[in-house]
C-alpha cells in the first residue's frame, strides 16, 4: 500500500482492528460508536492474581494519524497511575510506541520499536505486560522507580489504591470478568435410570439369529430321518423272522 493511500487505508485497517478487539474480554469500548476512528476511548482490565494492579479498570485513549500503520499511535491513561514507566499525564515510556528504526541514543533495536507489522492489539498487550513488569532502568517516573526497587510493599499498596479508585469508572451494569479463559463445556451426566431399567433384550443392536435357527431346524430334521430309518429297519427284521 502506498503512502498516498494511507488516509483511507488507515481508517479501513483501524475499523477492522477495533472490530476484533471488541470481542476481547480485557478491553471495553464504552461507546458503541467512537466519535472518530482515529481516536479511541476504552478501558483496559487487569485480571491477574499475581499483579499488584489486579482488578483494575483503567480508562485510556489511543490516538492514530492518517499515516498509520507507518507511524505509531499515541497512548495515555486517563487516570493517574503510580508506575515507573508512566508519566504524570498518563503517557507511557515504552519502546513499541517509539518511531520505527534504531535509536543509537536510547540503545533500542529496531525490532523493539514500532513497525507497520505491529497493530493496536500488540500495543495494548504490551501496555498490560508493562504494568506487571516495569522497566526501571529508564523510568518515566523516577520516584515510582525507586519505590518499586527499594520499597516494594509501599509500591504495591499504591497500586491497590489505584485499583480501588479505578473501579469508580466501571459503567453501571457492566460486569467485570473474573478470568479471561473460556469456560469449559458442561459435563454431560449419565442417566443411571436408563442403564438400571434396561434388559438384555433391549440391547439388540441389529444382529440376526436367522442363521442359528436354520441350523437348529436342519439338525432336528436329520435326527427325525435317522429315527425313521431305524424304525423301518426294525420292522423288516421282524417280518423276516416270521417268514422263517
Protein backbone atom coordinates (compact mmCIF):
# COMPACT_ATOMS: atom_id res chain seq x y z
CA UNK A 1 0.00 0.00 0.00
CA UNK A 2 1.43 3.41 -0.92
CA UNK A 3 1.64 6.32 1.48
CA UNK A 4 -0.70 8.28 -0.80
CA UNK A 5 -3.46 5.82 0.06
CA UNK A 6 -2.70 5.92 3.78
CA UNK A 7 -5.69 8.04 4.96
CA UNK A 8 -8.26 5.59 3.58
CA UNK A 9 -6.07 2.59 4.36
CA UNK A 10 -5.53 3.71 7.96
CA UNK A 11 -9.25 4.04 8.66
CA UNK A 12 -10.08 0.74 7.00
CA UNK A 13 -7.44 -1.08 8.99
CA UNK A 14 -8.44 0.59 12.27
CA UNK A 15 -12.09 -0.36 11.80
CA UNK A 16 -11.02 -3.97 11.29
CA UNK A 17 -8.75 -3.92 14.35
CA UNK A 18 -11.42 -2.34 16.55
CA UNK A 19 -13.97 -4.93 15.45
CA UNK A 20 -11.61 -7.73 16.52
CA UNK A 21 -10.77 -6.06 19.85
CA UNK A 22 -14.43 -5.65 20.78
CA UNK A 23 -14.55 -9.45 21.13
CA UNK A 24 -11.79 -9.46 23.77
CA UNK A 25 -12.61 -9.61 27.48
CA UNK A 26 -9.69 -7.45 28.65
CA UNK A 27 -10.80 -4.29 26.84
CA UNK A 28 -14.10 -2.42 26.96
CA UNK A 29 -15.16 0.20 24.44
CA UNK A 30 -17.72 2.12 26.46
CA UNK A 31 -19.27 3.78 23.40
CA UNK A 32 -20.76 1.66 20.64
CA UNK A 33 -19.79 4.36 18.16
CA UNK A 34 -16.50 6.21 18.56
CA UNK A 35 -16.51 9.92 17.61
CA UNK A 36 -13.57 9.29 15.31
CA UNK A 37 -11.93 6.06 14.20
CA UNK A 38 -8.60 7.86 14.71
CA UNK A 39 -9.28 8.43 18.43
CA UNK A 40 -10.24 5.50 20.65
CA UNK A 41 -11.63 5.73 24.19
CA UNK A 42 -11.74 2.47 26.16
CA UNK A 43 -10.74 0.76 29.38
CA UNK A 44 -8.09 -1.90 29.94
CA UNK A 45 -8.81 -4.52 32.61
CA UNK A 46 -6.19 -6.36 34.63
CA UNK A 47 -7.28 -9.86 35.67
CA UNK A 48 -4.14 -11.43 37.09
CA UNK A 49 -3.92 -12.59 40.69
CA UNK A 50 -0.12 -12.11 40.63
CA UNK A 51 -0.39 -8.46 39.56
CA UNK A 52 -0.48 -5.59 42.07
CA UNK A 53 -3.00 -3.98 39.67
CA UNK A 54 -5.33 -7.00 39.67
CA UNK A 55 -8.97 -5.97 39.30
CA UNK A 56 -8.16 -2.58 37.83
CA UNK A 57 -10.41 -0.87 35.28
CA UNK A 58 -8.13 1.69 33.67
CA UNK A 59 -9.67 4.15 31.22
CA UNK A 60 -7.35 5.17 28.42
CA UNK A 61 -7.23 6.65 24.96
CA UNK A 62 -5.21 5.96 21.84
CA UNK A 63 -4.78 8.47 19.01
CA UNK A 64 -3.79 7.49 15.46
CA UNK A 65 -2.74 9.54 12.47
CA UNK A 66 -3.51 9.16 8.78
CA UNK A 67 -0.02 7.67 8.46
CA UNK A 68 -0.97 4.61 10.48
CA UNK A 69 0.39 1.91 10.38
CA UNK A 70 3.62 3.55 9.15
CA UNK A 71 3.73 5.67 12.30
CA UNK A 72 2.82 4.52 15.82
CA UNK A 73 -0.25 5.68 17.74
CA UNK A 74 -0.10 7.70 20.94
CA UNK A 75 -1.37 6.13 24.17
CA UNK A 76 -2.18 7.56 27.57
CA UNK A 77 -4.09 6.52 30.67
CA UNK A 78 -6.92 8.81 31.77
CA UNK A 79 -6.34 8.01 35.44
CA UNK A 80 -3.17 8.78 37.44
CA UNK A 81 -1.13 5.62 38.00
CA UNK A 82 2.00 5.41 40.12
CA UNK A 83 4.29 3.35 37.90
CA UNK A 84 7.95 3.64 36.84
CA UNK A 85 7.08 3.85 33.14
CA UNK A 86 4.02 6.14 33.26
CA UNK A 87 4.38 9.92 33.12
CA UNK A 88 2.20 12.16 35.32
CA UNK A 89 0.00 12.98 32.28
CA UNK A 90 -0.71 9.27 31.71
CA UNK A 91 1.58 8.77 28.70
CA UNK A 92 3.92 5.78 28.63
CA UNK A 93 7.60 5.29 28.09
CA UNK A 94 7.51 2.05 26.09
CA UNK A 95 9.58 1.03 23.07
CA UNK A 96 6.71 -0.17 20.89
CA UNK A 97 5.32 3.40 20.76
CA UNK A 98 8.60 4.86 19.52
CA UNK A 99 9.04 5.68 15.83
CA UNK A 100 10.45 2.97 13.54
CA UNK A 101 14.18 2.45 13.18
CA UNK A 102 17.11 2.13 15.54
CA UNK A 103 17.88 4.82 18.11
CA UNK A 104 21.57 4.98 18.96
CA UNK A 105 20.97 7.37 21.85
CA UNK A 106 18.48 5.09 23.64
CA UNK A 107 20.13 1.85 22.55
CA UNK A 108 16.81 0.44 21.30
CA UNK A 109 16.93 -2.00 18.42
CA UNK A 110 14.57 -1.54 15.51
CA UNK A 111 12.87 -4.82 16.46
CA UNK A 112 11.83 -3.31 19.81
CA UNK A 113 10.27 -0.21 18.28
CA UNK A 114 7.19 0.35 16.18
CA UNK A 115 6.88 -1.19 12.73
CA UNK A 116 3.97 -1.41 10.26
CA UNK A 117 3.71 -5.09 11.21
CA UNK A 118 2.54 -4.05 14.68
CA UNK A 119 -1.04 -3.15 15.47
CA UNK A 120 -3.31 -1.69 18.13
CA UNK A 121 -3.68 -5.05 19.88
CA UNK A 122 0.08 -5.58 20.15
CA UNK A 123 0.41 -2.12 21.72
CA UNK A 124 -2.33 -2.75 24.28
CA UNK A 125 -0.98 -6.16 25.24
CA UNK A 126 2.47 -4.62 25.69
CA UNK A 127 0.94 -1.98 27.97
CA UNK A 128 -0.70 -4.64 30.14
CA UNK A 129 2.59 -6.55 30.37
CA UNK A 130 4.43 -3.35 31.32
CA UNK A 131 2.02 -2.74 34.20
CA UNK A 132 3.07 -6.02 35.77
CA UNK A 133 6.74 -5.91 34.80
CA UNK A 134 8.13 -2.34 34.93
CA UNK A 135 11.39 -1.32 33.25
CA UNK A 136 13.19 0.62 35.99
CA UNK A 137 16.46 1.23 34.12
CA UNK A 138 14.91 4.12 32.16
CA UNK A 139 11.93 5.27 34.24
CA UNK A 140 9.47 7.97 33.26
CA UNK A 141 8.63 8.39 36.96
CA UNK A 142 11.89 8.25 38.91
CA UNK A 143 10.20 8.29 42.32
CA UNK A 144 7.98 5.35 41.36
CA UNK A 145 11.05 3.51 40.04
CA UNK A 146 12.89 3.95 43.35
CA UNK A 147 9.79 2.90 45.29
CA UNK A 148 9.41 -0.24 43.15
CA UNK A 149 13.08 -1.13 43.63
CA UNK A 150 13.54 -0.31 47.34
CA UNK A 151 10.08 -0.27 48.91
CA UNK A 152 8.09 -2.88 47.05
CA UNK A 153 5.41 -3.17 49.75
CA UNK A 154 4.67 0.55 49.57
CA UNK A 155 4.54 0.33 45.77
CA UNK A 156 2.00 -2.50 45.93
CA UNK A 157 -0.11 -0.51 48.37
CA UNK A 158 -0.14 2.44 45.94
CA UNK A 159 -1.18 0.05 43.18
CA UNK A 160 -4.10 -1.29 45.24
CA UNK A 161 -5.24 2.26 45.97
CA UNK A 162 -5.17 2.99 42.23
CA UNK A 163 -7.22 -0.15 41.54
CA UNK A 164 -9.90 0.86 44.04
CA UNK A 165 -10.04 4.34 42.57
CA UNK A 166 -10.34 2.93 39.05
CA UNK A 167 -13.38 0.85 39.96
CA UNK A 168 -15.40 4.05 40.27
CA UNK A 169 -15.18 4.33 36.49
CA UNK A 170 -16.82 0.96 35.84
CA UNK A 171 -20.06 1.68 33.92
CA UNK A 172 -23.31 0.83 35.65
CA UNK A 173 -24.46 -2.64 34.71
CA UNK A 174 -21.02 -3.69 33.41
CA UNK A 175 -19.79 -6.99 34.88
CA UNK A 176 -16.03 -7.22 35.39
CA UNK A 177 -14.62 -10.52 34.15
CA UNK A 178 -13.01 -12.80 36.73
CA UNK A 179 -10.99 -14.75 34.18
CA UNK A 180 -10.01 -14.37 30.55
CA UNK A 181 -10.18 -18.11 29.92
CA UNK A 182 -13.21 -19.57 28.17
CA UNK A 183 -15.45 -21.69 30.39
CA UNK A 184 -15.21 -25.44 29.72
CA UNK A 185 -18.27 -27.08 28.13
CA UNK A 186 -20.76 -28.51 30.65
CA UNK A 187 -20.20 -32.17 31.54
CA UNK A 188 -22.95 -34.49 30.39
CA UNK A 189 -24.36 -36.55 33.24
CA UNK A 190 -25.08 -40.23 32.72
CA UNK A 191 -28.67 -41.36 33.09
CA UNK A 192 -28.47 -44.09 35.77
CA UNK A 193 -32.17 -44.86 35.40
CA UNK A 194 -31.64 -45.65 31.73
CA UNK A 195 -28.97 -48.25 32.45
CA UNK A 196 -30.74 -49.69 35.50
CA UNK A 197 -34.06 -50.18 33.69
CA UNK A 198 -32.58 -51.84 30.63
CA UNK A 199 -32.63 -55.57 29.96
CA UNK A 200 -30.51 -57.67 27.66
CA UNK A 201 -33.39 -57.91 25.20
CA UNK A 202 -33.38 -54.12 24.80
CA UNK A 203 -29.78 -54.13 23.61
CA UNK A 204 -30.43 -55.90 20.29
CA UNK A 205 -28.16 -53.89 18.02
CA UNK A 206 -29.45 -55.35 14.78
CA UNK A 207 -27.76 -58.77 14.85
CA UNK A 208 -29.70 -61.64 13.19
CA UNK A 209 -30.33 -65.06 14.75
CA UNK A 210 -31.80 -66.47 11.50
CA UNK A 211 -28.69 -68.48 10.67
CA UNK A 212 -28.69 -70.14 14.10
CA UNK A 213 -32.39 -71.05 13.86
CA UNK A 214 -31.97 -72.58 10.40
CA UNK A 215 -29.05 -74.66 11.61
CA UNK A 216 -31.01 -75.97 14.60
CA UNK A 217 -34.03 -76.87 12.36
CA UNK A 218 -31.75 -78.70 9.94
CA UNK A 219 -30.21 -80.77 12.78
CA UNK A 220 -33.70 -81.69 14.09
CA UNK A 221 -34.77 -82.90 10.62
CA UNK A 222 -31.68 -85.09 10.35
CA UNK A 223 -32.38 -86.69 13.72
CA UNK A 224 -36.01 -87.43 12.73
CA UNK A 225 -34.92 -89.01 9.43
CA UNK A 226 -32.40 -91.21 11.26
CA UNK A 227 -35.08 -92.36 13.73
CA UNK A 228 -37.49 -93.21 10.88
CA UNK A 229 -34.81 -95.22 9.08
CA UNK A 230 -34.04 -97.14 12.26
CA UNK A 231 -37.75 -97.84 12.75
CA UNK A 232 -38.12 -99.19 9.20
CA UNK A 233 -35.06 -101.36 9.70
CA UNK A 234 -36.52 -102.95 12.85
CA UNK A 235 -39.83 -103.72 11.07
CA UNK A 236 -38.07 -105.52 8.19
CA UNK A 237 -36.19 -107.77 10.59
CA UNK A 238 -39.37 -108.80 12.36
CA UNK A 239 -41.05 -109.74 9.04
CA UNK A 240 -38.07 -111.87 8.03
CA UNK A 241 -38.25 -113.73 11.40
CA UNK A 242 -41.94 -114.56 10.93
CA UNK A 243 -41.39 -115.94 7.40
CA UNK A 244 -38.81 -118.32 8.74
